[in-house]
Amino acid sequence: MGVNHIVMFQFKPDASAQSVKQCCDEVLGLKDQCVLASTGKPYIARSQGGRDMSIEGFSNGFTHVFVMEFDSVADRDFYVNEDKAHHGFISKWITSADGIISKAMVVDFVPGSLE
């Protein structure tokens, strides 16, 4: 059973365009950098992202959205709980004093699972 992992970012007002691009490139690069400890092989099935372009007005300040697809809940759990590349990204861009992400939202779901 696959899992979709949706991440939304709001960047700090003083974040440079160059820093925002670097951060976005790095989150998309996690697809190749994140490897399973047991196999040493990448395990993120698909990854894509882009700048919000909704005309509905409900973005709540989030400007960039990324969707990662995992083949299993176990893969998603490894990504969230153990993957060093993922944890490094969080440390660099979100939790460090120099981080440029002011707000993040993460939502995961299994397609078709509505209960």
PDB file of N, CA and C in Angstrom:
ATOM      1  N   MET A   1       0.844  -1.173   0.000  1.00  0.00           N
ATOM      2  CA  MET A   1       0.000   0.000   0.000  1.00  0.00           C
ATOM      3  C   MET A   1       0.888   1.234   0.000  1.00  0.00           C
ATOM      4  N   GLY A   2       0.744   2.095  -0.993  1.00  0.00           N
ATOM      5  CA  GLY A   2       1.554   3.296  -1.130  1.00  0.00           C
ATOM      6  C   GLY A   2       1.088   4.423  -0.227  1.00  0.00           C
ATOM      7  N   VAL A   3       1.987   5.363   0.008  1.00  0.00           N
ATOM      8  CA  VAL A   3       1.692   6.523   0.846  1.00  0.00           C
ATOM      9  C   VAL A   3       2.128   7.785   0.103  1.00  0.00           C
ATOM     10  N   ASN A   4       1.246   8.772   0.066  1.00  0.00           N
ATOM     11  CA  ASN A   4       1.594  10.091  -0.457  1.00  0.00           C
ATOM     12  C   ASN A   4       1.945  10.992   0.719  1.00  0.00           C
ATOM     13  N   HIS A   5       3.081  11.666   0.618  1.00  0.00           N
ATOM     14  CA  HIS A   5       3.614  12.534   1.665  1.00  0.00           C
ATOM     15  C   HIS A   5       3.652  13.941   1.076  1.00  0.00           C
ATOM     16  N   ILE A   6       2.781  14.816   1.571  1.00  0.00           N
ATOM     17  CA  ILE A   6       2.669  16.172   1.039  1.00  0.00           C
ATOM     18  C   ILE A   6       3.274  17.143   2.036  1.00  0.00           C
ATOM     19  N   VAL A   7       4.178  17.990   1.543  1.00  0.00           N
ATOM     20  CA  VAL A   7       4.875  18.960   2.383  1.00  0.00           C
ATOM     21  C   VAL A   7       4.658  20.345   1.788  1.00  0.00           C
ATOM     22  N   MET A   8       4.273  21.295   2.646  1.00  0.00           N
ATOM     23  CA  MET A   8       4.079  22.675   2.206  1.00  0.00           C
ATOM     24  C   MET A   8       4.980  23.593   3.022  1.00  0.00           C
ATOM     25  N   PHE A   9       5.600  24.569   2.359  1.00  0.00           N
ATOM     26  CA  PHE A   9       6.509  25.499   3.019  1.00  0.00           C
ATOM     27  C   PHE A   9       6.052  26.936   2.827  1.00  0.00           C
ATOM     28  N   GLN A  10       6.281  27.714   3.882  1.00  0.00           N
ATOM     29  CA  GLN A  10       6.230  29.166   3.806  1.00  0.00           C
ATOM     30  C   GLN A  10       7.637  29.633   4.166  1.00  0.00           C
ATOM     31  N   PHE A  11       8.224  30.459   3.337  1.00  0.00           N
ATOM     32  CA  PHE A  11       9.579  30.933   3.580  1.00  0.00           C
ATOM     33  C   PHE A  11       9.560  32.260   4.328  1.00  0.00           C
ATOM     34  N   LYS A  12      10.627  32.496   5.089  1.00  0.00           N
ATOM     35  CA  LYS A  12      10.756  33.762   5.807  1.00  0.00           C
ATOM     36  C   LYS A  12      10.813  34.908   4.794  1.00  0.00           C
ATOM     37  N   PRO A  13      10.255  36.068   5.160  1.00  0.00           N
ATOM     38  CA  PRO A  13      10.212  37.196   4.221  1.00  0.00           C
ATOM     39  C   PRO A  13      11.592  37.638   3.727  1.00  0.00           C
ATOM     40  N   ASP A  14      12.618  37.460   4.553  1.00  0.00           N
ATOM     41  CA  ASP A  14      13.956  37.905   4.155  1.00  0.00           C
ATOM     42  C   ASP A  14      14.761  36.826   3.429  1.00  0.00           C
ATOM     43  N   ALA A  15      14.144  35.686   3.147  1.00  0.00           N
ATOM     44  CA  ALA A  15      14.847  34.618   2.420  1.00  0.00           C
ATOM     45  C   ALA A  15      15.084  35.068   0.980  1.00  0.00           C
ATOM     46  N   SER A  16      16.315  34.928   0.522  1.00  0.00           N
ATOM     47  CA  SER A  16      16.634  35.331  -0.854  1.00  0.00           C
ATOM     48  C   SER A  16      16.060  34.321  -1.845  1.00  0.00           C
ATOM     49  N   ALA A  17      15.828  34.777  -3.055  1.00  0.00           N
ATOM     50  CA  ALA A  17      15.334  33.888  -4.111  1.00  0.00           C
ATOM     51  C   ALA A  17      16.314  32.746  -4.349  1.00  0.00           C
ATOM     52  N   GLN A  18      17.596  33.038  -4.252  1.00  0.00           N
ATOM     53  CA  GLN A  18      18.623  32.010  -4.443  1.00  0.00           C
ATOM     54  C   GLN A  18      18.541  30.944  -3.352  1.00  0.00           C
ATOM     55  N   SER A  19      18.340  31.364  -2.100  1.00  0.00           N
ATOM     56  CA  SER A  19      18.220  30.405  -0.996  1.00  0.00           C
ATOM     57  C   SER A  19      16.963  29.553  -1.129  1.00  0.00           C
ATOM     58  N   VAL A  20      15.863  30.172  -1.533  1.00  0.00           N
ATOM     59  CA  VAL A  20      14.612  29.431  -1.723  1.00  0.00           C
ATOM     60  C   VAL A  20      14.795  28.383  -2.813  1.00  0.00           C
ATOM     61  N   LYS A  21      15.427  28.764  -3.910  1.00  0.00           N
ATOM     62  CA  LYS A  21      15.668  27.802  -4.994  1.00  0.00           C
ATOM     63  C   LYS A  21      16.561  26.665  -4.528  1.00  0.00           C
ATOM     64  N   GLN A  22      17.612  26.985  -3.780  1.00  0.00           N
ATOM     65  CA  GLN A  22      18.514  25.946  -3.276  1.00  0.00           C
ATOM     66  C   GLN A  22      17.767  24.983  -2.359  1.00  0.00           C
ATOM     67  N   CYS A  23      16.936  25.522  -1.475  1.00  0.00           N
ATOM     68  CA  CYS A  23      16.145  24.685  -0.568  1.00  0.00           C
ATOM     69  C   CYS A  23      15.214  23.774  -1.362  1.00  0.00           C
ATOM     70  N   CYS A  24      14.527  24.323  -2.343  1.00  0.00           N
ATOM     71  CA  CYS A  24      13.600  23.528  -3.153  1.00  0.00           C
ATOM     72  C   CYS A  24      14.340  22.452  -3.939  1.00  0.00           C
ATOM     73  N   ASP A  25      15.492  22.804  -4.497  1.00  0.00           N
ATOM     74  CA  ASP A  25      16.296  21.812  -5.212  1.00  0.00           C
ATOM     75  C   ASP A  25      16.721  20.685  -4.276  1.00  0.00           C
ATOM     76  N   GLU A  26      17.065  21.051  -3.037  1.00  0.00           N
ATOM     77  CA  GLU A  26      17.501  20.032  -2.081  1.00  0.00           C
ATOM     78  C   GLU A  26      16.359  19.117  -1.653  1.00  0.00           C
ATOM     79  N   VAL A  27      15.159  19.658  -1.460  1.00  0.00           N
ATOM     80  CA  VAL A  27      14.055  18.775  -1.075  1.00  0.00           C
ATOM     81  C   VAL A  27      13.745  17.808  -2.210  1.00  0.00           C
ATOM     82  N   LEU A  28      13.812  18.279  -3.453  1.00  0.00           N
ATOM     83  CA  LEU A  28      13.586  17.371  -4.579  1.00  0.00           C
ATOM     84  C   LEU A  28      14.730  16.372  -4.721  1.00  0.00           C
ATOM     85  N   GLY A  29      15.926  16.767  -4.332  1.00  0.00           N
ATOM     86  CA  GLY A  29      17.085  15.881  -4.387  1.00  0.00           C
ATOM     87  C   GLY A  29      17.053  14.759  -3.371  1.00  0.00           C
ATOM     88  N   LEU A  30      16.176  14.879  -2.358  1.00  0.00           N
ATOM     89  CA  LEU A  30      16.080  13.811  -1.359  1.00  0.00           C
ATOM     90  C   LEU A  30      15.693  12.481  -2.002  1.00  0.00           C
ATOM     91  N   LYS A  31      14.995  12.518  -3.124  1.00  0.00           N
ATOM     92  CA  LYS A  31      14.590  11.276  -3.798  1.00  0.00           C
ATOM     93  C   LYS A  31      15.795  10.389  -4.086  1.00  0.00           C
ATOM     94  N   ASP A  32      16.913  10.988  -4.436  1.00  0.00           N
ATOM     95  CA  ASP A  32      18.116  10.210  -4.739  1.00  0.00           C
ATOM     96  C   ASP A  32      19.048  10.060  -3.541  1.00  0.00           C
ATOM     97  N   GLN A  33      18.970  10.987  -2.594  1.00  0.00           N
ATOM     98  CA  GLN A  33      19.861  10.942  -1.431  1.00  0.00           C
ATOM     99  C   GLN A  33      19.369  10.009  -0.332  1.00  0.00           C
ATOM    100  N   CYS A  34      18.076   9.830  -0.216  1.00  0.00           N
ATOM    101  CA  CYS A  34      17.518   8.989   0.843  1.00  0.00           C
ATOM    102  C   CYS A  34      17.615   7.527   0.417  1.00  0.00           C
ATOM    103  N   VAL A  35      18.355   6.756   1.188  1.00  0.00           N
ATOM    104  CA  VAL A  35      18.543   5.339   0.870  1.00  0.00           C
ATOM    105  C   VAL A  35      18.206   4.491   2.087  1.00  0.00           C
ATOM    106  N   LEU A  36      17.679   3.311   1.830  1.00  0.00           N
ATOM    107  CA  LEU A  36      17.377   2.380   2.919  1.00  0.00           C
ATOM    108  C   LEU A  36      18.670   1.855   3.517  1.00  0.00           C
ATOM    109  N   ALA A  37      18.718   1.782   4.828  1.00  0.00           N
ATOM    110  CA  ALA A  37      19.907   1.268   5.508  1.00  0.00           C
ATOM    111  C   ALA A  37      20.169  -0.181   5.118  1.00  0.00           C
ATOM    112  N   SER A  38      19.116  -0.943   4.898  1.00  0.00           N
ATOM    113  CA  SER A  38      19.260  -2.375   4.616  1.00  0.00           C
ATOM    114  C   SER A  38      19.781  -2.663   3.208  1.00  0.00           C
ATOM    115  N   THR A  39      19.492  -1.766   2.252  1.00  0.00           N
ATOM    116  CA  THR A  39      19.872  -2.031   0.859  1.00  0.00           C
ATOM    117  C   THR A  39      20.842  -1.010   0.274  1.00  0.00           C
ATOM    118  N   GLY A  40      20.888   0.176   0.873  1.00  0.00           N
ATOM    119  CA  GLY A  40      21.705   1.248   0.321  1.00  0.00           C
ATOM    120  C   GLY A  40      21.127   1.840  -0.952  1.00  0.00           C
ATOM    121  N   LYS A  41      19.858   1.519  -1.245  1.00  0.00           N
ATOM    122  CA  LYS A  41      19.219   1.986  -2.480  1.00  0.00           C
ATOM    123  C   LYS A  41      18.135   3.024  -2.167  1.00  0.00           C
ATOM    124  N   PRO A  42      17.928   3.975  -3.094  1.00  0.00           N
ATOM    125  CA  PRO A  42      16.858   4.957  -2.903  1.00  0.00           C
ATOM    126  C   PRO A  42      15.495   4.273  -2.783  1.00  0.00           C
ATOM    127  N   TYR A  43      14.619   4.867  -1.994  1.00  0.00           N
ATOM    128  CA  TYR A  43      13.317   4.236  -1.746  1.00  0.00           C
ATOM    129  C   TYR A  43      12.139   5.193  -1.923  1.00  0.00           C
ATOM    130  N   ILE A  44      12.386   6.444  -2.226  1.00  0.00           N
ATOM    131  CA  ILE A  44      11.281   7.352  -2.538  1.00  0.00           C
ATOM    132  C   ILE A  44      10.880   7.065  -3.983  1.00  0.00           C
ATOM    133  N   ALA A  45       9.657   6.593  -4.165  1.00  0.00           N
ATOM    134  CA  ALA A  45       9.219   6.145  -5.491  1.00  0.00           C
ATOM    135  C   ALA A  45       9.117   7.303  -6.485  1.00  0.00           C
ATOM    136  N   ARG A  46       8.539   8.412  -6.056  1.00  0.00           N
ATOM    137  CA  ARG A  46       8.373   9.571  -6.911  1.00  0.00           C
ATOM    138  C   ARG A  46       8.428  10.834  -6.056  1.00  0.00           C
ATOM    139  N   SER A  47       8.880  11.916  -6.675  1.00  0.00           N
ATOM    140  CA  SER A  47       8.963  13.195  -5.977  1.00  0.00           C
ATOM    141  C   SER A  47       8.748  14.314  -6.984  1.00  0.00           C
ATOM    142  N   GLN A  48       7.914  15.274  -6.610  1.00  0.00           N
ATOM    143  CA  GLN A  48       7.693  16.436  -7.462  1.00  0.00           C
ATOM    144  C   GLN A  48       7.296  17.615  -6.588  1.00  0.00           C
ATOM    145  N   GLY A  49       7.394  18.785  -7.130  1.00  0.00           N
ATOM    146  CA  GLY A  49       7.024  19.956  -6.350  1.00  0.00           C
ATOM    147  C   GLY A  49       7.013  21.198  -7.202  1.00  0.00           C
ATOM    148  N   GLY A  50       6.517  22.277  -6.614  1.00  0.00           N
ATOM    149  CA  GLY A  50       6.488  23.545  -7.320  1.00  0.00           C
ATOM    150  C   GLY A  50       5.890  24.642  -6.467  1.00  0.00           C
ATOM    151  N   ARG A  51       5.859  25.807  -7.042  1.00  0.00           N
ATOM    152  CA  ARG A  51       5.310  26.989  -6.379  1.00  0.00           C
ATOM    153  C   ARG A  51       3.781  26.960  -6.473  1.00  0.00           C
ATOM    154  N   ASP A  52       3.138  27.371  -5.382  1.00  0.00           N
ATOM    155  CA  ASP A  52       1.676  27.435  -5.364  1.00  0.00           C
ATOM    156  C   ASP A  52       1.185  28.387  -6.452  1.00  0.00           C
ATOM    157  N   MET A  53       0.153  27.969  -7.164  1.00  0.00           N
ATOM    158  CA  MET A  53      -0.442  28.833  -8.185  1.00  0.00           C
ATOM    159  C   MET A  53      -1.976  28.779  -8.134  1.00  0.00           C
ATOM    160  N   SER A  54      -2.489  28.430  -6.949  1.00  0.00           N
ATOM    161  CA  SER A  54      -3.935  28.345  -6.785  1.00  0.00           C
ATOM    162  C   SER A  54      -4.563  29.735  -6.880  1.00  0.00           C
ATOM    163  N   ILE A  55      -5.749  29.793  -7.442  1.00  0.00           N
ATOM    164  CA  ILE A  55      -6.488  31.058  -7.518  1.00  0.00           C
ATOM    165  C   ILE A  55      -7.619  31.108  -6.483  1.00  0.00           C
ATOM    166  N   GLU A  56      -7.678  30.091  -5.603  1.00  0.00           N
ATOM    167  CA  GLU A  56      -8.781  30.008  -4.647  1.00  0.00           C
ATOM    168  C   GLU A  56      -8.587  30.849  -3.392  1.00  0.00           C
ATOM    169  N   GLY A  57      -7.346  31.206  -3.071  1.00  0.00           N
ATOM    170  CA  GLY A  57      -7.104  32.044  -1.903  1.00  0.00           C
ATOM    171  C   GLY A  57      -7.058  31.311  -0.575  1.00  0.00           C
ATOM    172  N   PHE A  58      -6.829  30.012  -0.589  1.00  0.00           N
ATOM    173  CA  PHE A  58      -6.786  29.242   0.651  1.00  0.00           C
ATOM    174  C   PHE A  58      -5.396  28.709   0.988  1.00  0.00           C
ATOM    175  N   SER A  59      -4.355  29.300   0.443  1.00  0.00           N
ATOM    176  CA  SER A  59      -3.010  28.748   0.649  1.00  0.00           C
ATOM    177  C   SER A  59      -2.440  29.057   2.029  1.00  0.00           C
ATOM    178  N   ASN A  60      -3.064  29.962   2.766  1.00  0.00           N
ATOM    179  CA  ASN A  60      -2.637  30.289   4.130  1.00  0.00           C
ATOM    180  C   ASN A  60      -1.156  30.626   4.230  1.00  0.00           C
ATOM    181  N   GLY A  61      -0.615  31.256   3.222  1.00  0.00           N
ATOM    182  CA  GLY A  61       0.778  31.681   3.245  1.00  0.00           C
ATOM    183  C   GLY A  61       1.776  30.666   2.734  1.00  0.00           C
ATOM    184  N   PHE A  62       1.339  29.441   2.485  1.00  0.00           N
ATOM    185  CA  PHE A  62       2.252  28.429   1.953  1.00  0.00           C
ATOM    186  C   PHE A  62       2.506  28.741   0.481  1.00  0.00           C
ATOM    187  N   THR A  63       3.779  28.740   0.104  1.00  0.00           N
ATOM    188  CA  THR A  63       4.138  29.144  -1.253  1.00  0.00           C
ATOM    189  C   THR A  63       4.676  28.008  -2.111  1.00  0.00           C
ATOM    190  N   HIS A  64       5.163  26.949  -1.483  1.00  0.00           N
ATOM    191  CA  HIS A  64       5.769  25.843  -2.226  1.00  0.00           C
ATOM    192  C   HIS A  64       5.238  24.516  -1.687  1.00  0.00           C
ATOM    193  N   VAL A  65       4.955  23.592  -2.592  1.00  0.00           N
ATOM    194  CA  VAL A  65       4.369  22.302  -2.227  1.00  0.00           C
ATOM    195  C   VAL A  65       5.171  21.188  -2.890  1.00  0.00           C
ATOM    196  N   PHE A  66       5.381  20.105  -2.125  1.00  0.00           N
ATOM    197  CA  PHE A  66       6.120  18.943  -2.621  1.00  0.00           C
ATOM    198  C   PHE A  66       5.324  17.688  -2.303  1.00  0.00           C
ATOM    199  N   VAL A  67       5.327  16.750  -3.229  1.00  0.00           N
ATOM    200  CA  VAL A  67       4.642  15.475  -3.030  1.00  0.00           C
ATOM    201  C   VAL A  67       5.656  14.363  -3.249  1.00  0.00           C
ATOM    202  N   MET A  68       5.807  13.533  -2.224  1.00  0.00           N
ATOM    203  CA  MET A  68       6.665  12.355  -2.335  1.00  0.00           C
ATOM    204  C   MET A  68       5.778  11.134  -2.200  1.00  0.00           C
ATOM    205  N   GLU A  69       6.075  10.133  -3.001  1.00  0.00           N
ATOM    206  CA  GLU A  69       5.310   8.895  -2.934  1.00  0.00           C
ATOM    207  C   GLU A  69       6.229   7.777  -2.473  1.00  0.00           C
ATOM    208  N   PHE A  70       5.738   7.044  -1.486  1.00  0.00           N
ATOM    209  CA  PHE A  70       6.452   5.889  -0.955  1.00  0.00           C
ATOM    210  C   PHE A  70       5.661   4.635  -1.295  1.00  0.00           C
ATOM    211  N   ASP A  71       6.359   3.542  -1.531  1.00  0.00           N
ATOM    212  CA  ASP A  71       5.684   2.289  -1.875  1.00  0.00           C
ATOM    213  C   ASP A  71       5.009   1.632  -0.679  1.00  0.00           C
ATOM    214  N   SER A  72       5.402   2.028   0.540  1.00  0.00           N
ATOM    215  CA  SER A  72       4.824   1.394   1.731  1.00  0.00           C
ATOM    216  C   SER A  72       4.853   2.354   2.913  1.00  0.00           C
ATOM    217  N   VAL A  73       4.027   2.059   3.903  1.00  0.00           N
ATOM    218  CA  VAL A  73       4.037   2.814   5.152  1.00  0.00           C
ATOM    219  C   VAL A  73       5.400   2.664   5.825  1.00  0.00           C
ATOM    220  N   ALA A  74       5.993   1.482   5.738  1.00  0.00           N
ATOM    221  CA  ALA A  74       7.311   1.247   6.343  1.00  0.00           C
ATOM    222  C   ALA A  74       8.367   2.165   5.735  1.00  0.00           C
ATOM    223  N   ASP A  75       8.324   2.371   4.416  1.00  0.00           N
ATOM    224  CA  ASP A  75       9.274   3.284   3.776  1.00  0.00           C
ATOM    225  C   ASP A  75       9.061   4.714   4.269  1.00  0.00           C
ATOM    226  N   ARG A  76       7.808   5.141   4.350  1.00  0.00           N
ATOM    227  CA  ARG A  76       7.514   6.482   4.864  1.00  0.00           C
ATOM    228  C   ARG A  76       7.988   6.623   6.300  1.00  0.00           C
ATOM    229  N   ASP A  77       7.762   5.589   7.118  1.00  0.00           N
ATOM    230  CA  ASP A  77       8.189   5.633   8.514  1.00  0.00           C
ATOM    231  C   ASP A  77       9.705   5.738   8.630  1.00  0.00           C
ATOM    232  N   PHE A  78      10.432   5.009   7.781  1.00  0.00           N
ATOM    233  CA  PHE A  78      11.891   5.096   7.785  1.00  0.00           C
ATOM    234  C   PHE A  78      12.319   6.518   7.421  1.00  0.00           C
ATOM    235  N   TYR A  79      11.698   7.089   6.421  1.00  0.00           N
ATOM    236  CA  TYR A  79      12.001   8.452   5.980  1.00  0.00           C
ATOM    237  C   TYR A  79      11.825   9.445   7.127  1.00  0.00           C
ATOM    238  N   VAL A  80      10.710   9.367   7.817  1.00  0.00           N
ATOM    239  CA  VAL A  80      10.403  10.316   8.884  1.00  0.00           C
ATOM    240  C   VAL A  80      11.253  10.075  10.127  1.00  0.00           C
ATOM    241  N   ASN A  81      11.418   8.825  10.509  1.00  0.00           N
ATOM    242  CA  ASN A  81      12.051   8.513  11.791  1.00  0.00           C
ATOM    243  C   ASN A  81      13.552   8.281  11.752  1.00  0.00           C
ATOM    244  N   GLU A  82      14.097   7.826  10.617  1.00  0.00           N
ATOM    245  CA  GLU A  82      15.485   7.378  10.624  1.00  0.00           C
ATOM    246  C   GLU A  82      16.385   7.959   9.544  1.00  0.00           C
ATOM    247  N   ASP A  83      15.845   8.403   8.446  1.00  0.00           N
ATOM    248  CA  ASP A  83      16.698   8.780   7.316  1.00  0.00           C
ATOM    249  C   ASP A  83      17.560  10.001   7.639  1.00  0.00           C
ATOM    250  N   LYS A  84      18.877   9.814   7.553  1.00  0.00           N
ATOM    251  CA  LYS A  84      19.820  10.876   7.897  1.00  0.00           C
ATOM    252  C   LYS A  84      19.762  12.051   6.916  1.00  0.00           C
ATOM    253  N   ALA A  85      19.567  11.786   5.639  1.00  0.00           N
ATOM    254  CA  ALA A  85      19.477  12.874   4.656  1.00  0.00           C
ATOM    255  C   ALA A  85      18.246  13.741   4.930  1.00  0.00           C
ATOM    256  N   HIS A  86      17.135  13.102   5.249  1.00  0.00           N
ATOM    257  CA  HIS A  86      15.908  13.839   5.567  1.00  0.00           C
ATOM    258  C   HIS A  86      16.097  14.665   6.830  1.00  0.00           C
ATOM    259  N   HIS A  87      16.664  14.060   7.865  1.00  0.00           N
ATOM    260  CA  HIS A  87      16.896  14.785   9.117  1.00  0.00           C
ATOM    261  C   HIS A  87      17.859  15.947   8.904  1.00  0.00           C
ATOM    262  N   GLY A  88      18.868  15.751   8.049  1.00  0.00           N
ATOM    263  CA  GLY A  88      19.800  16.830   7.735  1.00  0.00           C
ATOM    264  C   GLY A  88      19.112  17.997   7.047  1.00  0.00           C
ATOM    265  N   PHE A  89      18.187  17.692   6.136  1.00  0.00           N
ATOM    266  CA  PHE A  89      17.418  18.740   5.465  1.00  0.00           C
ATOM    267  C   PHE A  89      16.628  19.551   6.487  1.00  0.00           C
ATOM    268  N   ILE A  90      15.949  18.863   7.395  1.00  0.00           N
ATOM    269  CA  ILE A  90      15.153  19.548   8.422  1.00  0.00           C
ATOM    270  C   ILE A  90      16.045  20.441   9.276  1.00  0.00           C
ATOM    271  N   SER A  91      17.184  19.909   9.702  1.00  0.00           N
ATOM    272  CA  SER A  91      18.107  20.691  10.533  1.00  0.00           C
ATOM    273  C   SER A  91      18.605  21.933   9.801  1.00  0.00           C
ATOM    274  N   LYS A  92      18.958  21.783   8.560  1.00  0.00           N
ATOM    275  CA  LYS A  92      19.533  22.891   7.790  1.00  0.00           C
ATOM    276  C   LYS A  92      18.515  23.986   7.484  1.00  0.00           C
ATOM    277  N   TRP A  93      17.341  23.601   7.025  1.00  0.00           N
ATOM    278  CA  TRP A  93      16.405  24.581   6.483  1.00  0.00           C
ATOM    279  C   TRP A  93      15.275  24.995   7.423  1.00  0.00           C
ATOM    280  N   ILE A  94      14.979  24.152   8.440  1.00  0.00           N
ATOM    281  CA  ILE A  94      13.817  24.455   9.285  1.00  0.00           C
ATOM    282  C   ILE A  94      14.214  24.781  10.719  1.00  0.00           C
ATOM    283  N   THR A  95      14.955  23.905  11.373  1.00  0.00           N
ATOM    284  CA  THR A  95      15.183  24.070  12.809  1.00  0.00           C
ATOM    285  C   THR A  95      16.423  24.866  13.175  1.00  0.00           C
ATOM    286  N   SER A  96      17.353  25.073  12.253  1.00  0.00           N
ATOM    287  CA  SER A  96      18.559  25.834  12.594  1.00  0.00           C
ATOM    288  C   SER A  96      18.235  27.326  12.662  1.00  0.00           C
ATOM    289  N   ALA A  97      19.083  28.066  13.345  1.00  0.00           N
ATOM    290  CA  ALA A  97      18.901  29.514  13.442  1.00  0.00           C
ATOM    291  C   ALA A  97      18.964  30.169  12.069  1.00  0.00           C
ATOM    292  N   ASP A  98      19.682  29.551  11.137  1.00  0.00           N
ATOM    293  CA  ASP A  98      19.813  30.090   9.783  1.00  0.00           C
ATOM    294  C   ASP A  98      18.744  29.566   8.825  1.00  0.00           C
ATOM    295  N   GLY A  99      17.837  28.735   9.316  1.00  0.00           N
ATOM    296  CA  GLY A  99      16.805  28.162   8.453  1.00  0.00           C
ATOM    297  C   GLY A  99      15.940  29.246   7.834  1.00  0.00           C
ATOM    298  N   ILE A 100      15.488  29.010   6.617  1.00  0.00           N
ATOM    299  CA  ILE A 100      14.687  30.024   5.915  1.00  0.00           C
ATOM    300  C   ILE A 100      13.205  29.658   5.825  1.00  0.00           C
ATOM    301  N   ILE A 101      12.832  28.505   6.350  1.00  0.00           N
ATOM    302  CA  ILE A 101      11.425  28.092   6.325  1.00  0.00           C
ATOM    303  C   ILE A 101      10.769  28.556   7.620  1.00  0.00           C
ATOM    304  N   SER A 102       9.751  29.391   7.498  1.00  0.00           N
ATOM    305  CA  SER A 102       9.083  29.913   8.689  1.00  0.00           C
ATOM    306  C   SER A 102       7.933  29.028   9.141  1.00  0.00           C
ATOM    307  N   LYS A 103       7.341  28.305   8.195  1.00  0.00           N
ATOM    308  CA  LYS A 103       6.206  27.446   8.540  1.00  0.00           C
ATOM    309  C   LYS A 103       6.187  26.272   7.580  1.00  0.00           C
ATOM    310  N   ALA A 104       5.905  25.103   8.128  1.00  0.00           N
ATOM    311  CA  ALA A 104       5.789  23.895   7.308  1.00  0.00           C
ATOM    312  C   ALA A 104       4.535  23.139   7.723  1.00  0.00           C
ATOM    313  N   MET A 105       3.938  22.453   6.767  1.00  0.00           N
ATOM    314  CA  MET A 105       2.808  21.570   7.048  1.00  0.00           C
ATOM    315  C   MET A 105       3.051  20.275   6.295  1.00  0.00           C
ATOM    316  N   VAL A 106       2.792  19.171   6.978  1.00  0.00           N
ATOM    317  CA  VAL A 106       2.980  17.852   6.373  1.00  0.00           C
ATOM    318  C   VAL A 106       1.695  17.055   6.536  1.00  0.00           C
ATOM    319  N   VAL A 107       1.240  16.447   5.451  1.00  0.00           N
ATOM    320  CA  VAL A 107       0.055  15.598   5.467  1.00  0.00           C
ATOM    321  C   VAL A 107       0.387  14.339   4.685  1.00  0.00           C
ATOM    322  N   ASP A 108       0.094  13.184   5.260  1.00  0.00           N
ATOM    323  CA  ASP A 108       0.310  11.903   4.591  1.00  0.00           C
ATOM    324  C   ASP A 108      -1.034  11.203   4.419  1.00  0.00           C
ATOM    325  N   PHE A 109      -1.171  10.482   3.311  1.00  0.00           N
ATOM    326  CA  PHE A 109      -2.388   9.693   3.137  1.00  0.00           C
ATOM    327  C   PHE A 109      -2.129   8.499   2.239  1.00  0.00           C
ATOM    328  N   VAL A 110      -2.957   7.489   2.446  1.00  0.00           N
ATOM    329  CA  VAL A 110      -2.977   6.323   1.571  1.00  0.00           C
ATOM    330  C   VAL A 110      -4.109   6.561   0.571  1.00  0.00           C
ATOM    331  N   PRO A 111      -3.814   6.591  -0.731  1.00  0.00           N
ATOM    332  CA  PRO A 111      -4.861   6.844  -1.719  1.00  0.00           C
ATOM    333  C   PRO A 111      -6.051   5.890  -1.556  1.00  0.00           C
ATOM    334  N   GLY A 112      -7.240   6.469  -1.515  1.00  0.00           N
ATOM    335  CA  GLY A 112      -8.460   5.685  -1.398  1.00  0.00           C
ATOM    336  C   GLY A 112      -8.872   5.360   0.023  1.00  0.00           C
ATOM    337  N   SER A 113      -8.007   5.611   1.005  1.00  0.00           N
ATOM    338  CA  SER A 113      -8.332   5.322   2.400  1.00  0.00           C
ATOM    339  C   SER A 113      -9.005   6.547   3.006  1.00  0.00           C
ATOM    340  N   LEU A 114     -10.314   6.466   3.179  1.00  0.00           N
ATOM    341  CA  LEU A 114     -11.081   7.617   3.639  1.00  0.00           C
ATOM    342  C   LEU A 114     -11.635   7.450   5.046  1.00  0.00           C
ATOM    343  N   GLU A 115     -11.304   6.382   5.709  1.00  0.00           N
ATOM    344  CA  GLU A 115     -11.807   6.173   7.075  1.00  0.00           C
ATOM    345  C   GLU A 115     -10.676   5.971   8.031  1.00  0.00           C
TER     346      GLU A 115
END
